[in-house]
Amino acid sequence: MKTICFETSNKIEWVQKIASIVSLYSETYTEKIIIDFYPKIKSKELRPFHLTSLACLIQYCADRHISVSMSQNNKDVCYYICEVCGFSTYWKLGKQHAISKTPKIFSLWKIDNGEKDIFASEVTSYFKRNINKDKDFTPISMSLAEAYNNVFDHANAKGNAFSVISYDDKFKKINVAICDFGISIPNSVNAFLEDKRSDAEAIEIATLKNFTVKSQKNNRGFGLDNILTNSDNVRVFSKGACLIKINGKQQTFSMPFDFSGTLIDFDIDLSNLEDEDVLTDFDF
């Protein structure tokens, strides 16, 4: 039995911790893993970014028949993840999504190509019900559709891909995170170009408008350009590189570790969304 402890909720350090666990358990083991969290981590610090990547890690272990449990040393974090966000019932019942106990979190959802239409409908209903029924959420829907199609068309994640959406009522922002343990954006781009670019260069190429590796018929590309255009803050971790856009400033840089797959995290300010057009009666 091995205890793995997350020391901080800092996003880069969190991703690095997950990357180190994946490299440690690259094969099938019978060893049991206990996930723990330092007392200084508070549940209010955990965002969709943390939840989706943690979900991919748990699924990664489950696919290798590695038993995973969560320590209750940090009761606040354990209760939030397992009960409030529904992680416990998700893996126990084997459903496509967890049942969140707070309107601030749209349930953890396993990304499945066969259920993307159901997911889109559920997301729209969630926005209308919990955020603002009069806003036009089309830009968000478009960004989500492109991001999910990236998982279906490029990632080859073999079922290990999750999404979480949250709403911050104080700052009026929607936060979306999508994580998969697939082949990564750099590997996909380099395979298509038949060239060896650095991971950072490959992600930059993937952000170009309408860039596509043509992995599927009628494929529109990675959708990163759409997300960068419609979102305020964006973070993309994939393999050995990270793209960050904060307050309009964008930078891509190399990381000292490899993250399996891709983690996309972005915010959309509700004030930037237009009111939905409502058709009214008119006379001929």
C-alpha atoms as a PDB file:
ATOM      1  CA  MET A   1       0.000   0.000   0.000  1.00  0.00           C
ATOM      2  CA  LYS A   2       1.351   3.406  -1.005  1.00  0.00           C
ATOM      3  CA  THR A   3       0.158   6.841   0.094  1.00  0.00           C
ATOM      4  CA  ILE A   4       0.449   9.635  -2.456  1.00  0.00           C
ATOM      5  CA  CYS A   5      -0.005  13.122  -1.065  1.00  0.00           C
ATOM      6  CA  PHE A   6      -0.894  16.317  -2.897  1.00  0.00           C
ATOM      7  CA  GLU A   7       0.983  19.113  -1.115  1.00  0.00           C
ATOM      8  CA  THR A   8      -0.601  22.112  -2.848  1.00  0.00           C
ATOM      9  CA  SER A   9      -3.431  23.186  -5.140  1.00  0.00           C
ATOM     10  CA  ASN A  10      -1.032  25.231  -7.287  1.00  0.00           C
ATOM     11  CA  LYS A  11      -1.973  24.184 -10.813  1.00  0.00           C
ATOM     12  CA  ILE A  12       1.491  23.493 -12.223  1.00  0.00           C
ATOM     13  CA  GLU A  13       2.565  21.577  -9.121  1.00  0.00           C
ATOM     14  CA  TRP A  14      -0.739  19.669  -9.133  1.00  0.00           C
ATOM     15  CA  VAL A  15      -0.218  18.571 -12.739  1.00  0.00           C
ATOM     16  CA  GLN A  16       3.388  17.650 -12.018  1.00  0.00           C
ATOM     17  CA  LYS A  17       2.256  15.441  -9.137  1.00  0.00           C
ATOM     18  CA  ILE A  18      -0.192  13.613 -11.404  1.00  0.00           C
ATOM     19  CA  ALA A  19       2.492  13.207 -14.068  1.00  0.00           C
ATOM     20  CA  SER A  20       4.855  11.677 -11.506  1.00  0.00           C
ATOM     21  CA  ILE A  21       2.201   9.183 -10.365  1.00  0.00           C
ATOM     22  CA  VAL A  22       1.437   8.128 -13.935  1.00  0.00           C
ATOM     23  CA  SER A  23       5.122   7.549 -14.688  1.00  0.00           C
ATOM     24  CA  LEU A  24       5.439   5.511 -11.508  1.00  0.00           C
ATOM     25  CA  TYR A  25       2.487   3.269 -12.362  1.00  0.00           C
ATOM     26  CA  SER A  26       2.947   2.829 -16.097  1.00  0.00           C
ATOM     27  CA  GLU A  27       2.271  -0.903 -15.793  1.00  0.00           C
ATOM     28  CA  THR A  28      -0.391  -2.976 -14.040  1.00  0.00           C
ATOM     29  CA  TYR A  29       0.170  -3.334 -10.304  1.00  0.00           C
ATOM     30  CA  THR A  30      -1.736  -4.979  -7.514  1.00  0.00           C
ATOM     31  CA  GLU A  31      -0.580  -2.360  -5.057  1.00  0.00           C
ATOM     32  CA  LYS A  32      -3.236  -0.222  -3.389  1.00  0.00           C
ATOM     33  CA  ILE A  33      -2.945   3.557  -3.611  1.00  0.00           C
ATOM     34  CA  ILE A  34      -4.239   5.989  -1.014  1.00  0.00           C
ATOM     35  CA  ILE A  35      -4.620   9.584  -2.202  1.00  0.00           C
ATOM     36  CA  ASP A  36      -4.097  12.154   0.526  1.00  0.00           C
ATOM     37  CA  PHE A  37      -4.117  15.960   0.702  1.00  0.00           C
ATOM     38  CA  TYR A  38      -2.070  18.211   2.953  1.00  0.00           C
ATOM     39  CA  PRO A  39      -4.158  20.036   5.593  1.00  0.00           C
ATOM     40  CA  LYS A  40      -3.329  23.434   4.078  1.00  0.00           C
ATOM     41  CA  ILE A  41      -5.355  22.586   0.944  1.00  0.00           C
ATOM     42  CA  LYS A  42      -8.938  23.806   1.291  1.00  0.00           C
ATOM     43  CA  SER A  43     -11.912  22.574  -0.717  1.00  0.00           C
ATOM     44  CA  LYS A  44     -12.663  26.132  -1.869  1.00  0.00           C
ATOM     45  CA  GLU A  45      -9.325  26.101  -3.733  1.00  0.00           C
ATOM     46  CA  LEU A  46     -10.295  23.122  -5.882  1.00  0.00           C
ATOM     47  CA  ARG A  47     -11.531  23.992  -9.361  1.00  0.00           C
ATOM     48  CA  PRO A  48     -12.654  21.932 -12.372  1.00  0.00           C
ATOM     49  CA  PHE A  49      -8.948  21.886 -13.302  1.00  0.00           C
ATOM     50  CA  HIS A  50      -8.148  19.823 -10.202  1.00  0.00           C
ATOM     51  CA  LEU A  51     -11.258  17.652 -10.402  1.00  0.00           C
ATOM     52  CA  THR A  52     -10.926  16.573 -14.043  1.00  0.00           C
ATOM     53  CA  SER A  53      -7.229  15.739 -13.783  1.00  0.00           C
ATOM     54  CA  LEU A  54      -7.843  13.821 -10.559  1.00  0.00           C
ATOM     55  CA  ALA A  55     -10.690  11.925 -12.251  1.00  0.00           C
ATOM     56  CA  CYS A  56      -8.371  10.946 -15.121  1.00  0.00           C
ATOM     57  CA  LEU A  57      -5.776   9.748 -12.608  1.00  0.00           C
ATOM     58  CA  ILE A  58      -8.326   7.595 -10.762  1.00  0.00           C
ATOM     59  CA  GLN A  59      -9.579   6.147 -14.050  1.00  0.00           C
ATOM     60  CA  TYR A  60      -5.980   5.526 -15.140  1.00  0.00           C
ATOM     61  CA  CYS A  61      -5.417   3.445 -12.010  1.00  0.00           C
ATOM     62  CA  ALA A  62      -8.769   1.660 -12.345  1.00  0.00           C
ATOM     63  CA  ASP A  63      -7.895   0.668 -15.926  1.00  0.00           C
ATOM     64  CA  ARG A  64      -4.770  -0.991 -14.551  1.00  0.00           C
ATOM     65  CA  HIS A  65      -6.664  -2.731 -11.750  1.00  0.00           C
ATOM     66  CA  ILE A  66      -4.957  -0.585  -9.134  1.00  0.00           C
ATOM     67  CA  SER A  67      -7.162  -0.088  -6.085  1.00  0.00           C
ATOM     68  CA  VAL A  68      -7.559   3.592  -5.175  1.00  0.00           C
ATOM     69  CA  SER A  69      -8.992   5.089  -2.010  1.00  0.00           C
ATOM     70  CA  MET A  70      -9.021   8.587  -0.560  1.00  0.00           C
ATOM     71  CA  SER A  71      -7.650   9.393   2.862  1.00  0.00           C
ATOM     72  CA  GLN A  72      -9.846  11.310   5.296  1.00  0.00           C
ATOM     73  CA  ASN A  73      -6.898  13.070   6.925  1.00  0.00           C
ATOM     74  CA  ASN A  74      -8.106  16.219   5.185  1.00  0.00           C
ATOM     75  CA  LYS A  75     -11.821  15.742   5.862  1.00  0.00           C
ATOM     76  CA  ASP A  76     -12.829  18.986   4.150  1.00  0.00           C
ATOM     77  CA  VAL A  77     -11.229  18.058   0.820  1.00  0.00           C
ATOM     78  CA  CYS A  78     -12.187  14.377   1.003  1.00  0.00           C
ATOM     79  CA  TYR A  79     -15.858  15.169   1.672  1.00  0.00           C
ATOM     80  CA  TYR A  80     -15.945  17.805  -1.073  1.00  0.00           C
ATOM     81  CA  ILE A  81     -14.490  15.511  -3.745  1.00  0.00           C
ATOM     82  CA  CYS A  82     -16.234  12.272  -2.779  1.00  0.00           C
ATOM     83  CA  GLU A  83     -19.630  13.535  -1.639  1.00  0.00           C
ATOM     84  CA  VAL A  84     -20.276  17.084  -2.883  1.00  0.00           C
ATOM     85  CA  CYS A  85     -18.772  16.472  -6.340  1.00  0.00           C
ATOM     86  CA  GLY A  86     -20.025  12.884  -6.451  1.00  0.00           C
ATOM     87  CA  PHE A  87     -16.752  11.044  -7.135  1.00  0.00           C
ATOM     88  CA  SER A  88     -17.644   8.260  -4.728  1.00  0.00           C
ATOM     89  CA  THR A  89     -20.973   7.360  -6.343  1.00  0.00           C
ATOM     90  CA  TYR A  90     -19.567   7.775  -9.856  1.00  0.00           C
ATOM     91  CA  TRP A  91     -17.022   4.974  -9.546  1.00  0.00           C
ATOM     92  CA  LYS A  92     -19.191   2.788  -7.350  1.00  0.00           C
ATOM     93  CA  LEU A  93     -22.205   2.877  -9.687  1.00  0.00           C
ATOM     94  CA  GLY A  94     -20.320   2.961 -12.985  1.00  0.00           C
ATOM     95  CA  LYS A  95     -22.356   5.789 -14.520  1.00  0.00           C
ATOM     96  CA  GLN A  96     -21.339   8.278 -17.200  1.00  0.00           C
ATOM     97  CA  HIS A  97     -21.562  11.207 -14.822  1.00  0.00           C
ATOM     98  CA  ALA A  98     -21.487  12.004 -11.126  1.00  0.00           C
ATOM     99  CA  ILE A  99     -24.307  13.709  -9.286  1.00  0.00           C
ATOM    100  CA  SER A 100     -23.136  17.036  -7.891  1.00  0.00           C
ATOM    101  CA  LYS A 101     -24.721  18.263  -4.663  1.00  0.00           C
ATOM    102  CA  THR A 102     -24.099  21.933  -5.366  1.00  0.00           C
ATOM    103  CA  PRO A 103     -25.486  24.149  -8.169  1.00  0.00           C
ATOM    104  CA  LYS A 104     -22.041  25.729  -8.432  1.00  0.00           C
ATOM    105  CA  ILE A 105     -20.657  22.551 -10.034  1.00  0.00           C
ATOM    106  CA  PHE A 106     -22.003  20.883 -13.159  1.00  0.00           C
ATOM    107  CA  SER A 107     -21.418  17.206 -12.524  1.00  0.00           C
ATOM    108  CA  LEU A 108     -18.241  15.381 -13.446  1.00  0.00           C
ATOM    109  CA  TRP A 109     -18.988  13.918 -16.864  1.00  0.00           C
ATOM    110  CA  LYS A 110     -17.108  11.216 -18.712  1.00  0.00           C
ATOM    111  CA  ILE A 111     -16.639  12.360 -22.297  1.00  0.00           C
ATOM    112  CA  ASP A 112     -18.203   9.812 -24.603  1.00  0.00           C
ATOM    113  CA  ASN A 113     -18.801  10.331 -28.316  1.00  0.00           C
ATOM    114  CA  GLY A 114     -22.139   8.556 -28.177  1.00  0.00           C
ATOM    115  CA  GLU A 115     -23.466  10.872 -25.463  1.00  0.00           C
ATOM    116  CA  LYS A 116     -22.181  14.255 -26.651  1.00  0.00           C
ATOM    117  CA  ASP A 117     -25.661  15.407 -27.740  1.00  0.00           C
ATOM    118  CA  ILE A 118     -27.101  14.488 -24.343  1.00  0.00           C
ATOM    119  CA  PHE A 119     -24.219  16.267 -22.677  1.00  0.00           C
ATOM    120  CA  ALA A 120     -24.748  19.431 -24.731  1.00  0.00           C
ATOM    121  CA  SER A 121     -28.411  19.472 -23.778  1.00  0.00           C
ATOM    122  CA  GLU A 122     -27.643  18.940 -20.092  1.00  0.00           C
ATOM    123  CA  VAL A 123     -25.029  21.705 -20.087  1.00  0.00           C
ATOM    124  CA  THR A 124     -27.405  24.190 -21.689  1.00  0.00           C
ATOM    125  CA  SER A 125     -30.124  23.304 -19.182  1.00  0.00           C
ATOM    126  CA  TYR A 126     -27.629  23.766 -16.342  1.00  0.00           C
ATOM    127  CA  PHE A 127     -26.618  27.221 -17.601  1.00  0.00           C
ATOM    128  CA  LYS A 128     -30.231  28.325 -18.012  1.00  0.00           C
ATOM    129  CA  ARG A 129     -31.336  26.900 -14.679  1.00  0.00           C
ATOM    130  CA  ASN A 130     -28.447  27.969 -12.435  1.00  0.00           C
ATOM    131  CA  ILE A 131     -26.880  30.981 -14.112  1.00  0.00           C
ATOM    132  CA  ASN A 132     -29.102  33.112 -16.324  1.00  0.00           C
ATOM    133  CA  LYS A 133     -31.972  31.952 -18.494  1.00  0.00           C
ATOM    134  CA  ASP A 134     -31.808  35.118 -20.638  1.00  0.00           C
ATOM    135  CA  LYS A 135     -28.166  34.905 -21.715  1.00  0.00           C
ATOM    136  CA  ASP A 136     -27.001  33.532 -25.062  1.00  0.00           C
ATOM    137  CA  PHE A 137     -24.592  30.717 -24.208  1.00  0.00           C
ATOM    138  CA  THR A 138     -23.773  29.932 -27.840  1.00  0.00           C
ATOM    139  CA  PRO A 139     -20.083  31.022 -27.584  1.00  0.00           C
ATOM    140  CA  ILE A 140     -19.603  28.641 -24.654  1.00  0.00           C
ATOM    141  CA  SER A 141     -21.405  25.840 -26.451  1.00  0.00           C
ATOM    142  CA  MET A 142     -19.166  26.336 -29.479  1.00  0.00           C
ATOM    143  CA  SER A 143     -16.005  26.271 -27.367  1.00  0.00           C
ATOM    144  CA  LEU A 144     -17.188  23.150 -25.569  1.00  0.00           C
ATOM    145  CA  ALA A 145     -18.129  21.427 -28.815  1.00  0.00           C
ATOM    146  CA  GLU A 146     -14.697  22.111 -30.300  1.00  0.00           C
ATOM    147  CA  ALA A 147     -12.914  20.976 -27.155  1.00  0.00           C
ATOM    148  CA  TYR A 148     -14.921  17.745 -26.931  1.00  0.00           C
ATOM    149  CA  ASN A 149     -14.429  17.039 -30.619  1.00  0.00           C
ATOM    150  CA  ASN A 150     -10.707  17.380 -29.973  1.00  0.00           C
ATOM    151  CA  VAL A 151     -11.004  14.485 -27.518  1.00  0.00           C
ATOM    152  CA  PHE A 152     -13.061  12.387 -29.932  1.00  0.00           C
ATOM    153  CA  ASP A 153     -10.978  13.112 -33.030  1.00  0.00           C
ATOM    154  CA  HIS A 154      -7.399  13.522 -31.843  1.00  0.00           C
ATOM    155  CA  ALA A 155      -6.775  12.327 -28.320  1.00  0.00           C
ATOM    156  CA  ASN A 156      -7.256   8.553 -28.644  1.00  0.00           C
ATOM    157  CA  ALA A 157      -7.973   8.670 -24.912  1.00  0.00           C
ATOM    158  CA  LYS A 158      -9.602   5.204 -24.824  1.00  0.00           C
ATOM    159  CA  GLY A 159     -12.362   6.343 -22.517  1.00  0.00           C
ATOM    160  CA  ASN A 160     -10.220   8.275 -20.059  1.00  0.00           C
ATOM    161  CA  ALA A 161     -11.514  11.810 -20.567  1.00  0.00           C
ATOM    162  CA  PHE A 162     -13.580  13.969 -18.212  1.00  0.00           C
ATOM    163  CA  SER A 163     -15.168  17.379 -18.022  1.00  0.00           C
ATOM    164  CA  VAL A 164     -16.254  19.588 -15.122  1.00  0.00           C
ATOM    165  CA  ILE A 165     -17.933  22.992 -15.299  1.00  0.00           C
ATOM    166  CA  SER A 166     -18.394  25.429 -12.425  1.00  0.00           C
ATOM    167  CA  TYR A 167     -19.927  28.856 -11.952  1.00  0.00           C
ATOM    168  CA  ASP A 168     -18.556  31.549  -9.649  1.00  0.00           C
ATOM    169  CA  ASP A 169     -21.483  33.758  -8.685  1.00  0.00           C
ATOM    170  CA  LYS A 170     -19.217  36.343  -7.030  1.00  0.00           C
ATOM    171  CA  PHE A 171     -17.123  37.027 -10.124  1.00  0.00           C
ATOM    172  CA  LYS A 172     -19.830  35.996 -12.624  1.00  0.00           C
ATOM    173  CA  LYS A 173     -17.483  33.585 -14.411  1.00  0.00           C
ATOM    174  CA  ILE A 174     -17.927  30.130 -15.867  1.00  0.00           C
ATOM    175  CA  ASN A 175     -14.927  27.848 -15.515  1.00  0.00           C
ATOM    176  CA  VAL A 176     -14.522  24.791 -17.746  1.00  0.00           C
ATOM    177  CA  ALA A 177     -11.907  22.061 -17.543  1.00  0.00           C
ATOM    178  CA  ILE A 178     -11.498  19.128 -19.915  1.00  0.00           C
ATOM    179  CA  CYS A 179      -8.842  16.508 -19.314  1.00  0.00           C
ATOM    180  CA  ASP A 180      -7.876  13.371 -21.226  1.00  0.00           C
ATOM    181  CA  PHE A 181      -5.083  10.854 -20.918  1.00  0.00           C
ATOM    182  CA  GLY A 182      -4.661  10.476 -24.670  1.00  0.00           C
ATOM    183  CA  ILE A 183      -1.723  10.890 -27.028  1.00  0.00           C
ATOM    184  CA  SER A 184      -1.341  14.671 -26.424  1.00  0.00           C
ATOM    185  CA  ILE A 185      -1.530  17.620 -28.811  1.00  0.00           C
ATOM    186  CA  PRO A 186       2.236  17.702 -29.595  1.00  0.00           C
ATOM    187  CA  ASN A 187       2.307  14.019 -30.564  1.00  0.00           C
ATOM    188  CA  SER A 188      -0.765  14.418 -32.770  1.00  0.00           C
ATOM    189  CA  VAL A 189       0.570  17.543 -34.488  1.00  0.00           C
ATOM    190  CA  ASN A 190       4.027  16.087 -35.084  1.00  0.00           C
ATOM    191  CA  ALA A 191       2.581  12.860 -36.483  1.00  0.00           C
ATOM    192  CA  PHE A 192       0.501  14.855 -38.971  1.00  0.00           C
ATOM    193  CA  LEU A 193       3.352  17.186 -39.993  1.00  0.00           C
ATOM    194  CA  GLU A 194       5.771  14.253 -40.170  1.00  0.00           C
ATOM    195  CA  ASP A 195       8.215  16.519 -38.443  1.00  0.00           C
ATOM    196  CA  LYS A 196       9.671  16.838 -34.967  1.00  0.00           C
ATOM    197  CA  ARG A 197       8.749  20.158 -33.417  1.00  0.00           C
ATOM    198  CA  SER A 198       9.209  20.957 -29.763  1.00  0.00           C
ATOM    199  CA  ASP A 199       6.119  20.408 -27.628  1.00  0.00           C
ATOM    200  CA  ALA A 200       5.729  24.166 -27.180  1.00  0.00           C
ATOM    201  CA  GLU A 201       5.988  24.789 -30.952  1.00  0.00           C
ATOM    202  CA  ALA A 202       3.463  22.028 -31.654  1.00  0.00           C
ATOM    203  CA  ILE A 203       0.907  23.592 -29.294  1.00  0.00           C
ATOM    204  CA  GLU A 204       1.458  26.985 -30.948  1.00  0.00           C
ATOM    205  CA  ILE A 205       0.741  25.386 -34.326  1.00  0.00           C
ATOM    206  CA  ALA A 206      -2.431  23.811 -32.948  1.00  0.00           C
ATOM    207  CA  THR A 207      -3.716  27.269 -31.961  1.00  0.00           C
ATOM    208  CA  LEU A 208      -3.607  28.547 -35.546  1.00  0.00           C
ATOM    209  CA  LYS A 209      -7.035  29.266 -36.960  1.00  0.00           C
ATOM    210  CA  ASN A 210      -8.555  26.264 -38.768  1.00  0.00           C
ATOM    211  CA  PHE A 211      -5.478  24.104 -38.212  1.00  0.00           C
ATOM    212  CA  THR A 212      -6.421  20.433 -38.401  1.00  0.00           C
ATOM    213  CA  VAL A 213      -4.572  17.141 -38.495  1.00  0.00           C
ATOM    214  CA  LYS A 214      -7.494  15.767 -40.554  1.00  0.00           C
ATOM    215  CA  SER A 215      -7.923  12.798 -38.266  1.00  0.00           C
ATOM    216  CA  GLN A 216     -11.634  12.611 -39.018  1.00  0.00           C
ATOM    217  CA  LYS A 217     -13.820  13.538 -41.995  1.00  0.00           C
ATOM    218  CA  ASN A 218     -15.059  17.138 -41.758  1.00  0.00           C
ATOM    219  CA  ASN A 219     -12.740  17.732 -38.818  1.00  0.00           C
ATOM    220  CA  ARG A 220     -12.425  21.413 -37.938  1.00  0.00           C
ATOM    221  CA  GLY A 221      -9.211  21.275 -35.973  1.00  0.00           C
ATOM    222  CA  PHE A 222      -8.294  21.342 -32.312  1.00  0.00           C
ATOM    223  CA  GLY A 223     -10.607  24.245 -31.529  1.00  0.00           C
ATOM    224  CA  LEU A 224      -7.912  25.992 -29.491  1.00  0.00           C
ATOM    225  CA  ASP A 225      -8.274  29.153 -31.580  1.00  0.00           C
ATOM    226  CA  ASN A 226     -12.003  29.210 -30.779  1.00  0.00           C
ATOM    227  CA  ILE A 227     -11.371  28.726 -27.067  1.00  0.00           C
ATOM    228  CA  LEU A 228      -8.650  31.393 -26.984  1.00  0.00           C
ATOM    229  CA  THR A 229     -10.925  33.847 -28.788  1.00  0.00           C
ATOM    230  CA  ASN A 230     -13.995  33.319 -26.617  1.00  0.00           C
ATOM    231  CA  SER A 231     -12.316  32.887 -23.230  1.00  0.00           C
ATOM    232  CA  ASP A 232     -10.754  35.328 -20.783  1.00  0.00           C
ATOM    233  CA  ASN A 233      -8.161  33.079 -19.172  1.00  0.00           C
ATOM    234  CA  VAL A 234      -6.900  29.827 -20.702  1.00  0.00           C
ATOM    235  CA  ARG A 235      -4.454  27.129 -19.617  1.00  0.00           C
ATOM    236  CA  VAL A 236      -3.446  24.194 -21.791  1.00  0.00           C
ATOM    237  CA  PHE A 237      -1.137  21.480 -20.477  1.00  0.00           C
ATOM    238  CA  SER A 238      -0.115  18.817 -22.967  1.00  0.00           C
ATOM    239  CA  LYS A 239       2.908  16.540 -22.862  1.00  0.00           C
ATOM    240  CA  GLY A 240       5.925  18.728 -22.063  1.00  0.00           C
ATOM    241  CA  ALA A 241       4.481  22.163 -22.714  1.00  0.00           C
ATOM    242  CA  CYS A 242       1.977  24.642 -21.347  1.00  0.00           C
ATOM    243  CA  LEU A 243       0.062  27.496 -22.973  1.00  0.00           C
ATOM    244  CA  ILE A 244      -1.265  30.224 -20.705  1.00  0.00           C
ATOM    245  CA  LYS A 245      -3.430  33.209 -21.605  1.00  0.00           C
ATOM    246  CA  ILE A 246      -4.092  35.622 -18.730  1.00  0.00           C
ATOM    247  CA  ASN A 247      -5.715  39.046 -19.182  1.00  0.00           C
ATOM    248  CA  GLY A 248      -5.141  38.934 -22.927  1.00  0.00           C
ATOM    249  CA  LYS A 249      -1.439  38.037 -22.715  1.00  0.00           C
ATOM    250  CA  GLN A 250      -0.526  34.646 -24.162  1.00  0.00           C
ATOM    251  CA  GLN A 251       2.626  32.617 -23.609  1.00  0.00           C
ATOM    252  CA  THR A 252       3.713  29.062 -24.405  1.00  0.00           C
ATOM    253  CA  PHE A 253       6.618  27.455 -22.582  1.00  0.00           C
ATOM    254  CA  SER A 254       8.234  24.088 -21.944  1.00  0.00           C
ATOM    255  CA  MET A 255       7.747  22.206 -18.670  1.00  0.00           C
ATOM    256  CA  PRO A 256      10.355  20.079 -16.855  1.00  0.00           C
ATOM    257  CA  PHE A 257       8.003  17.070 -16.948  1.00  0.00           C
ATOM    258  CA  ASP A 258       5.588  15.302 -19.314  1.00  0.00           C
ATOM    259  CA  PHE A 259       1.862  15.327 -18.644  1.00  0.00           C
ATOM    260  CA  SER A 260       0.010  12.367 -20.156  1.00  0.00           C
ATOM    261  CA  GLY A 261      -2.619  13.694 -22.527  1.00  0.00           C
ATOM    262  CA  THR A 262      -4.135  17.159 -22.501  1.00  0.00           C
ATOM    263  CA  LEU A 263      -5.714  19.371 -19.861  1.00  0.00           C
ATOM    264  CA  ILE A 264      -7.605  22.450 -21.070  1.00  0.00           C
ATOM    265  CA  ASP A 265      -8.870  24.961 -18.521  1.00  0.00           C
ATOM    266  CA  PHE A 266     -10.661  28.204 -19.432  1.00  0.00           C
ATOM    267  CA  ASP A 267     -12.837  30.970 -17.960  1.00  0.00           C
ATOM    268  CA  ILE A 268     -15.655  32.863 -19.632  1.00  0.00           C
ATOM    269  CA  ASP A 269     -16.946  36.112 -18.153  1.00  0.00           C
ATOM    270  CA  LEU A 270     -20.744  36.121 -18.120  1.00  0.00           C
ATOM    271  CA  SER A 271     -20.792  39.886 -18.743  1.00  0.00           C
ATOM    272  CA  ASN A 272     -19.235  39.255 -22.163  1.00  0.00           C
ATOM    273  CA  LEU A 273     -22.226  37.164 -23.239  1.00  0.00           C
ATOM    274  CA  GLU A 274     -25.081  38.837 -25.043  1.00  0.00           C
ATOM    275  CA  ASP A 275     -28.713  38.513 -24.096  1.00  0.00           C
ATOM    276  CA  GLU A 276     -30.537  35.837 -26.030  1.00  0.00           C
ATOM    277  CA  ASP A 277     -32.785  37.064 -28.845  1.00  0.00           C
ATOM    278  CA  VAL A 278     -36.408  36.361 -28.120  1.00  0.00           C
ATOM    279  CA  LEU A 279     -38.830  36.044 -31.012  1.00  0.00           C
ATOM    280  CA  THR A 280     -41.971  38.091 -30.558  1.00  0.00           C
ATOM    281  CA  ASP A 281     -45.292  37.992 -32.366  1.00  0.00           C
ATOM    282  CA  PHE A 282     -45.703  40.168 -35.433  1.00  0.00           C
ATOM    283  CA  ASP A 283     -48.411  40.888 -37.982  1.00  0.00           C
ATOM    284  CA  PHE A 284     -48.291  40.378 -41.721  1.00  0.00           C
END
